[in-house]
Amino acid sequence: EYSPGYEADHWCSKGHILLVLEGELETELVDGRRFTLTPGTSYQVADAAEAHRSRTRAGARLFIVD
């Protein structure tokens, strides 16, 4: 669960499967692309594939598999 105002302080290169259960999450890739995820949306990234970091203004509840 990410609290309102959460912002990652580093780029993550670990692989994840992530599903947004509640709230909204913005994920930024190291190449500058940004994606806004809402409830029911997900992403998958492999280890060392695309460094990413996330933030949320209002908070978000997630299901994450590392």
PDB file of N, CA and C in Angstrom:
ATOM      1  N   GLU A   1       0.849  -1.176   0.000  1.00  0.00           N
ATOM      2  CA  GLU A   1       0.000   0.000   0.000  1.00  0.00           C
ATOM      3  C   GLU A   1       0.889   1.232   0.000  1.00  0.00           C
ATOM      4  N   TYR A   2       0.625   2.165  -0.913  1.00  0.00           N
ATOM      5  CA  TYR A   2       1.373   3.415  -0.997  1.00  0.00           C
ATOM      6  C   TYR A   2       0.512   4.534  -0.436  1.00  0.00           C
ATOM      7  N   SER A   3       1.064   5.304   0.465  1.00  0.00           N
ATOM      8  CA  SER A   3       0.370   6.441   1.073  1.00  0.00           C
ATOM      9  C   SER A   3       0.259   7.589   0.080  1.00  0.00           C
ATOM     10  N   PRO A   4      -0.713   8.488   0.280  1.00  0.00           N
ATOM     11  CA  PRO A   4      -0.795   9.667  -0.577  1.00  0.00           C
ATOM     12  C   PRO A   4       0.537  10.415  -0.585  1.00  0.00           C
ATOM     13  N   GLY A   5       0.948  10.837  -1.765  1.00  0.00           N
ATOM     14  CA  GLY A   5       2.196  11.572  -1.909  1.00  0.00           C
ATOM     15  C   GLY A   5       3.439  10.713  -2.046  1.00  0.00           C
ATOM     16  N   TYR A   6       3.276   9.377  -2.068  1.00  0.00           N
ATOM     17  CA  TYR A   6       4.441   8.502  -2.212  1.00  0.00           C
ATOM     18  C   TYR A   6       5.152   8.781  -3.527  1.00  0.00           C
ATOM     19  N   GLU A   7       6.491   8.840  -3.461  1.00  0.00           N
ATOM     20  CA  GLU A   7       7.313   8.978  -4.661  1.00  0.00           C
ATOM     21  C   GLU A   7       8.597   8.194  -4.448  1.00  0.00           C
ATOM     22  N   ALA A   8       8.875   7.252  -5.334  1.00  0.00           N
ATOM     23  CA  ALA A   8      10.091   6.442  -5.229  1.00  0.00           C
ATOM     24  C   ALA A   8      11.315   7.346  -5.299  1.00  0.00           C
ATOM     25  N   ASP A   9      12.324   7.032  -4.503  1.00  0.00           N
ATOM     26  CA  ASP A   9      13.540   7.844  -4.480  1.00  0.00           C
ATOM     27  C   ASP A   9      14.683   7.204  -5.268  1.00  0.00           C
ATOM     28  N   HIS A  10      14.364   6.184  -6.068  1.00  0.00           N
ATOM     29  CA  HIS A  10      15.399   5.497  -6.849  1.00  0.00           C
ATOM     30  C   HIS A  10      14.762   4.829  -8.072  1.00  0.00           C
ATOM     31  N   TRP A  11      15.601   4.496  -9.048  1.00  0.00           N
ATOM     32  CA  TRP A  11      15.176   3.708 -10.198  1.00  0.00           C
ATOM     33  C   TRP A  11      15.286   2.242  -9.805  1.00  0.00           C
ATOM     34  N   CYS A  12      14.274   1.468 -10.082  1.00  0.00           N
ATOM     35  CA  CYS A  12      14.247   0.044  -9.751  1.00  0.00           C
ATOM     36  C   CYS A  12      14.477  -0.772 -11.021  1.00  0.00           C
ATOM     37  N   SER A  13      15.392  -1.720 -10.958  1.00  0.00           N
ATOM     38  CA  SER A  13      15.631  -2.581 -12.131  1.00  0.00           C
ATOM     39  C   SER A  13      15.204  -4.017 -11.861  1.00  0.00           C
ATOM     40  N   LYS A  14      14.523  -4.238 -10.728  1.00  0.00           N
ATOM     41  CA  LYS A  14      14.012  -5.566 -10.394  1.00  0.00           C
ATOM     42  C   LYS A  14      12.723  -5.820 -11.164  1.00  0.00           C
ATOM     43  N   GLY A  15      12.498  -7.044 -11.569  1.00  0.00           N
ATOM     44  CA  GLY A  15      11.267  -7.396 -12.264  1.00  0.00           C
ATOM     45  C   GLY A  15      10.081  -7.483 -11.316  1.00  0.00           C
ATOM     46  N   HIS A  16       8.913  -7.141 -11.801  1.00  0.00           N
ATOM     47  CA  HIS A  16       7.674  -7.186 -11.018  1.00  0.00           C
ATOM     48  C   HIS A  16       6.508  -7.559 -11.915  1.00  0.00           C
ATOM     49  N   ILE A  17       5.488  -8.083 -11.297  1.00  0.00           N
ATOM     50  CA  ILE A  17       4.142  -8.099 -11.858  1.00  0.00           C
ATOM     51  C   ILE A  17       3.338  -7.267 -10.878  1.00  0.00           C
ATOM     52  N   LEU A  18       2.639  -6.264 -11.360  1.00  0.00           N
ATOM     53  CA  LEU A  18       1.941  -5.328 -10.487  1.00  0.00           C
ATOM     54  C   LEU A  18       0.509  -5.147 -10.976  1.00  0.00           C
ATOM     55  N   LEU A  19      -0.433  -5.196 -10.052  1.00  0.00           N
ATOM     56  CA  LEU A  19      -1.851  -4.964 -10.336  1.00  0.00           C
ATOM     57  C   LEU A  19      -2.353  -3.888  -9.389  1.00  0.00           C
ATOM     58  N   VAL A  20      -2.986  -2.860  -9.915  1.00  0.00           N
ATOM     59  CA  VAL A  20      -3.560  -1.801  -9.086  1.00  0.00           C
ATOM     60  C   VAL A  20      -4.949  -2.252  -8.620  1.00  0.00           C
ATOM     61  N   LEU A  21      -5.121  -2.317  -7.308  1.00  0.00           N
ATOM     62  CA  LEU A  21      -6.404  -2.704  -6.729  1.00  0.00           C
ATOM     63  C   LEU A  21      -7.272  -1.491  -6.429  1.00  0.00           C
ATOM     64  N   GLU A  22      -6.654  -0.422  -5.921  1.00  0.00           N
ATOM     65  CA  GLU A  22      -7.361   0.817  -5.591  1.00  0.00           C
ATOM     66  C   GLU A  22      -6.435   1.996  -5.842  1.00  0.00           C
ATOM     67  N   GLY A  23      -7.021   3.141  -6.146  1.00  0.00           N
ATOM     68  CA  GLY A  23      -6.233   4.355  -6.322  1.00  0.00           C
ATOM     69  C   GLY A  23      -5.656   4.476  -7.716  1.00  0.00           C
ATOM     70  N   GLU A  24      -4.573   5.251  -7.813  1.00  0.00           N
ATOM     71  CA  GLU A  24      -3.943   5.504  -9.100  1.00  0.00           C
ATOM     72  C   GLU A  24      -2.436   5.577  -8.898  1.00  0.00           C
ATOM     73  N   LEU A  25      -1.688   4.976  -9.810  1.00  0.00           N
ATOM     74  CA  LEU A  25      -0.232   4.920  -9.719  1.00  0.00           C
ATOM     75  C   LEU A  25       0.356   5.381 -11.039  1.00  0.00           C
ATOM     76  N   GLU A  26       1.316   6.288 -10.973  1.00  0.00           N
ATOM     77  CA  GLU A  26       2.030   6.708 -12.178  1.00  0.00           C
ATOM     78  C   GLU A  26       3.391   6.035 -12.156  1.00  0.00           C
ATOM     79  N   THR A  27       3.727   5.340 -13.232  1.00  0.00           N
ATOM     80  CA  THR A  27       5.025   4.680 -13.369  1.00  0.00           C
ATOM     81  C   THR A  27       5.785   5.342 -14.502  1.00  0.00           C
ATOM     82  N   GLU A  28       7.037   5.675 -14.214  1.00  0.00           N
ATOM     83  CA  GLU A  28       7.912   6.305 -15.194  1.00  0.00           C
ATOM     84  C   GLU A  28       9.039   5.346 -15.529  1.00  0.00           C
ATOM     85  N   LEU A  29       9.324   5.186 -16.812  1.00  0.00           N
ATOM     86  CA  LEU A  29      10.448   4.372 -17.242  1.00  0.00           C
ATOM     87  C   LEU A  29      11.657   5.276 -17.445  1.00  0.00           C
ATOM     88  N   VAL A  30      12.845   4.702 -17.330  1.00  0.00           N
ATOM     89  CA  VAL A  30      14.079   5.480 -17.431  1.00  0.00           C
ATOM     90  C   VAL A  30      14.198   6.197 -18.777  1.00  0.00           C
ATOM     91  N   ASP A  31      13.523   5.711 -19.814  1.00  0.00           N
ATOM     92  CA  ASP A  31      13.574   6.365 -21.126  1.00  0.00           C
ATOM     93  C   ASP A  31      12.608   7.554 -21.237  1.00  0.00           C
ATOM     94  N   GLY A  32      11.880   7.853 -20.141  1.00  0.00           N
ATOM     95  CA  GLY A  32      10.993   9.016 -20.110  1.00  0.00           C
ATOM     96  C   GLY A  32       9.524   8.725 -20.301  1.00  0.00           C
ATOM     97  N   ARG A  33       9.181   7.522 -20.747  1.00  0.00           N
ATOM     98  CA  ARG A  33       7.755   7.190 -20.898  1.00  0.00           C
ATOM     99  C   ARG A  33       7.099   7.129 -19.531  1.00  0.00           C
ATOM    100  N   ARG A  34       5.830   7.548 -19.470  1.00  0.00           N
ATOM    101  CA  ARG A  34       5.049   7.521 -18.230  1.00  0.00           C
ATOM    102  C   ARG A  34       3.708   6.846 -18.493  1.00  0.00           C
ATOM    103  N   PHE A  35       3.277   6.074 -17.516  1.00  0.00           N
ATOM    104  CA  PHE A  35       2.014   5.357 -17.620  1.00  0.00           C
ATOM    105  C   PHE A  35       1.221   5.585 -16.342  1.00  0.00           C
ATOM    106  N   THR A  36      -0.066   5.860 -16.483  1.00  0.00           N
ATOM    107  CA  THR A  36      -0.941   6.001 -15.332  1.00  0.00           C
ATOM    108  C   THR A  36      -1.780   4.745 -15.240  1.00  0.00           C
ATOM    109  N   LEU A  37      -1.673   4.086 -14.092  1.00  0.00           N
ATOM    110  CA  LEU A  37      -2.400   2.840 -13.862  1.00  0.00           C
ATOM    111  C   LEU A  37      -3.544   3.098 -12.896  1.00  0.00           C
ATOM    112  N   THR A  38      -4.711   2.577 -13.239  1.00  0.00           N
ATOM    113  CA  THR A  38      -5.920   2.725 -12.437  1.00  0.00           C
ATOM    114  C   THR A  38      -6.387   1.337 -12.003  1.00  0.00           C
ATOM    115  N   PRO A  39      -7.361   1.251 -11.103  1.00  0.00           N
ATOM    116  CA  PRO A  39      -7.799  -0.058 -10.639  1.00  0.00           C
ATOM    117  C   PRO A  39      -8.122  -1.015 -11.786  1.00  0.00           C
ATOM    118  N   GLY A  40      -7.564  -2.222 -11.675  1.00  0.00           N
ATOM    119  CA  GLY A  40      -7.776  -3.254 -12.678  1.00  0.00           C
ATOM    120  C   GLY A  40      -6.703  -3.296 -13.749  1.00  0.00           C
ATOM    121  N   THR A  41      -5.809  -2.307 -13.781  1.00  0.00           N
ATOM    122  CA  THR A  41      -4.728  -2.316 -14.765  1.00  0.00           C
ATOM    123  C   THR A  41      -3.459  -2.869 -14.125  1.00  0.00           C
ATOM    124  N   SER A  42      -2.565  -3.369 -14.981  1.00  0.00           N
ATOM    125  CA  SER A  42      -1.358  -4.015 -14.456  1.00  0.00           C
ATOM    126  C   SER A  42      -0.201  -3.824 -15.420  1.00  0.00           C
ATOM    127  N   TYR A  43       0.989  -4.183 -14.950  1.00  0.00           N
ATOM    128  CA  TYR A  43       2.142  -4.256 -15.835  1.00  0.00           C
ATOM    129  C   TYR A  43       3.067  -5.356 -15.369  1.00  0.00           C
ATOM    130  N   GLN A  44       3.908  -5.772 -16.273  1.00  0.00           N
ATOM    131  CA  GLN A  44       4.914  -6.789 -15.983  1.00  0.00           C
ATOM    132  C   GLN A  44       6.222  -6.307 -16.581  1.00  0.00           C
ATOM    133  N   VAL A  45       7.298  -6.408 -15.818  1.00  0.00           N
ATOM    134  CA  VAL A  45       8.622  -6.041 -16.307  1.00  0.00           C
ATOM    135  C   VAL A  45       9.609  -7.085 -15.799  1.00  0.00           C
ATOM    136  N   ALA A  46      10.546  -7.481 -16.632  1.00  0.00           N
ATOM    137  CA  ALA A  46      11.538  -8.494 -16.261  1.00  0.00           C
ATOM    138  C   ALA A  46      12.713  -7.854 -15.527  1.00  0.00           C
ATOM    139  N   ASP A  47      13.475  -8.663 -14.807  1.00  0.00           N
ATOM    140  CA  ASP A  47      14.688  -8.186 -14.155  1.00  0.00           C
ATOM    141  C   ASP A  47      15.597  -7.538 -15.184  1.00  0.00           C
ATOM    142  N   ALA A  48      16.126  -6.379 -14.850  1.00  0.00           N
ATOM    143  CA  ALA A  48      17.095  -5.643 -15.664  1.00  0.00           C
ATOM    144  C   ALA A  48      16.576  -5.286 -17.062  1.00  0.00           C
ATOM    145  N   ALA A  49      15.254  -5.265 -17.253  1.00  0.00           N
ATOM    146  CA  ALA A  49      14.695  -4.969 -18.578  1.00  0.00           C
ATOM    147  C   ALA A  49      14.480  -3.473 -18.777  1.00  0.00           C
ATOM    148  N   GLU A  50      13.750  -2.827 -17.901  1.00  0.00           N
ATOM    149  CA  GLU A  50      13.459  -1.402 -18.001  1.00  0.00           C
ATOM    150  C   GLU A  50      13.388  -0.819 -16.600  1.00  0.00           C
ATOM    151  N   ALA A  51      14.378  -0.004 -16.258  1.00  0.00           N
ATOM    152  CA  ALA A  51      14.355   0.638 -14.940  1.00  0.00           C
ATOM    153  C   ALA A  51      13.104   1.519 -14.849  1.00  0.00           C
ATOM    154  N   HIS A  52      12.509   1.555 -13.674  1.00  0.00           N
ATOM    155  CA  HIS A  52      11.247   2.257 -13.482  1.00  0.00           C
ATOM    156  C   HIS A  52      11.173   2.815 -12.065  1.00  0.00           C
ATOM    157  N   ARG A  53      10.290   3.790 -11.881  1.00  0.00           N
ATOM    158  CA  ARG A  53       9.979   4.321 -10.554  1.00  0.00           C
ATOM    159  C   ARG A  53       8.531   4.777 -10.575  1.00  0.00           C
ATOM    160  N   SER A  54       7.924   4.790  -9.399  1.00  0.00           N
ATOM    161  CA  SER A  54       6.495   5.083  -9.318  1.00  0.00           C
ATOM    162  C   SER A  54       6.210   6.189  -8.318  1.00  0.00           C
ATOM    163  N   ARG A  55       5.030   6.773  -8.489  1.00  0.00           N
ATOM    164  CA  ARG A  55       4.548   7.792  -7.554  1.00  0.00           C
ATOM    165  C   ARG A  55       3.023   7.751  -7.546  1.00  0.00           C
ATOM    166  N   THR A  56       2.443   8.279  -6.476  1.00  0.00           N
ATOM    167  CA  THR A  56       0.997   8.397  -6.400  1.00  0.00           C
ATOM    168  C   THR A  56       0.635   9.653  -5.622  1.00  0.00           C
ATOM    169  N   ARG A  57      -0.312  10.393  -6.120  1.00  0.00           N
ATOM    170  CA  ARG A  57      -0.763  11.599  -5.413  1.00  0.00           C
ATOM    171  C   ARG A  57      -1.736  11.246  -4.302  1.00  0.00           C
ATOM    172  N   ALA A  58      -2.720  10.409  -4.622  1.00  0.00           N
ATOM    173  CA  ALA A  58      -3.808  10.133  -3.687  1.00  0.00           C
ATOM    174  C   ALA A  58      -3.631   8.821  -2.921  1.00  0.00           C
ATOM    175  N   GLY A  59      -2.602   8.030  -3.252  1.00  0.00           N
ATOM    176  CA  GLY A  59      -2.417   6.737  -2.608  1.00  0.00           C
ATOM    177  C   GLY A  59      -2.885   5.619  -3.528  1.00  0.00           C
ATOM    178  N   ALA A  60      -2.398   4.421  -3.263  1.00  0.00           N
ATOM    179  CA  ALA A  60      -2.772   3.271  -4.091  1.00  0.00           C
ATOM    180  C   ALA A  60      -2.567   1.979  -3.308  1.00  0.00           C
ATOM    181  N   ARG A  61      -3.441   1.033  -3.542  1.00  0.00           N
ATOM    182  CA  ARG A  61      -3.271  -0.317  -2.991  1.00  0.00           C
ATOM    183  C   ARG A  61      -2.958  -1.224  -4.157  1.00  0.00           C
ATOM    184  N   LEU A  62      -1.869  -1.993  -4.023  1.00  0.00           N
ATOM    185  CA  LEU A  62      -1.352  -2.788  -5.128  1.00  0.00           C
ATOM    186  C   LEU A  62      -1.210  -4.242  -4.732  1.00  0.00           C
ATOM    187  N   PHE A  63      -1.205  -5.114  -5.738  1.00  0.00           N
ATOM    188  CA  PHE A  63      -0.801  -6.500  -5.588  1.00  0.00           C
ATOM    189  C   PHE A  63       0.465  -6.627  -6.407  1.00  0.00           C
ATOM    190  N   ILE A  64       1.589  -6.983  -5.751  1.00  0.00           N
ATOM    191  CA  ILE A  64       2.878  -7.035  -6.426  1.00  0.00           C
ATOM    192  C   ILE A  64       3.507  -8.412  -6.229  1.00  0.00           C
ATOM    193  N   VAL A  65       4.004  -8.980  -7.320  1.00  0.00           N
ATOM    194  CA  VAL A  65       4.781 -10.218  -7.271  1.00  0.00           C
ATOM    195  C   VAL A  65       6.182  -9.869  -7.746  1.00  0.00           C
ATOM    196  N   ASP A  66       7.160 -10.099  -6.869  1.00  0.00           N
ATOM    197  CA  ASP A  66       8.565  -9.825  -7.217  1.00  0.00           C
ATOM    198  C   ASP A  66       9.241 -11.056  -7.735  1.00  0.00           C
TER     199      ASP A  66
END
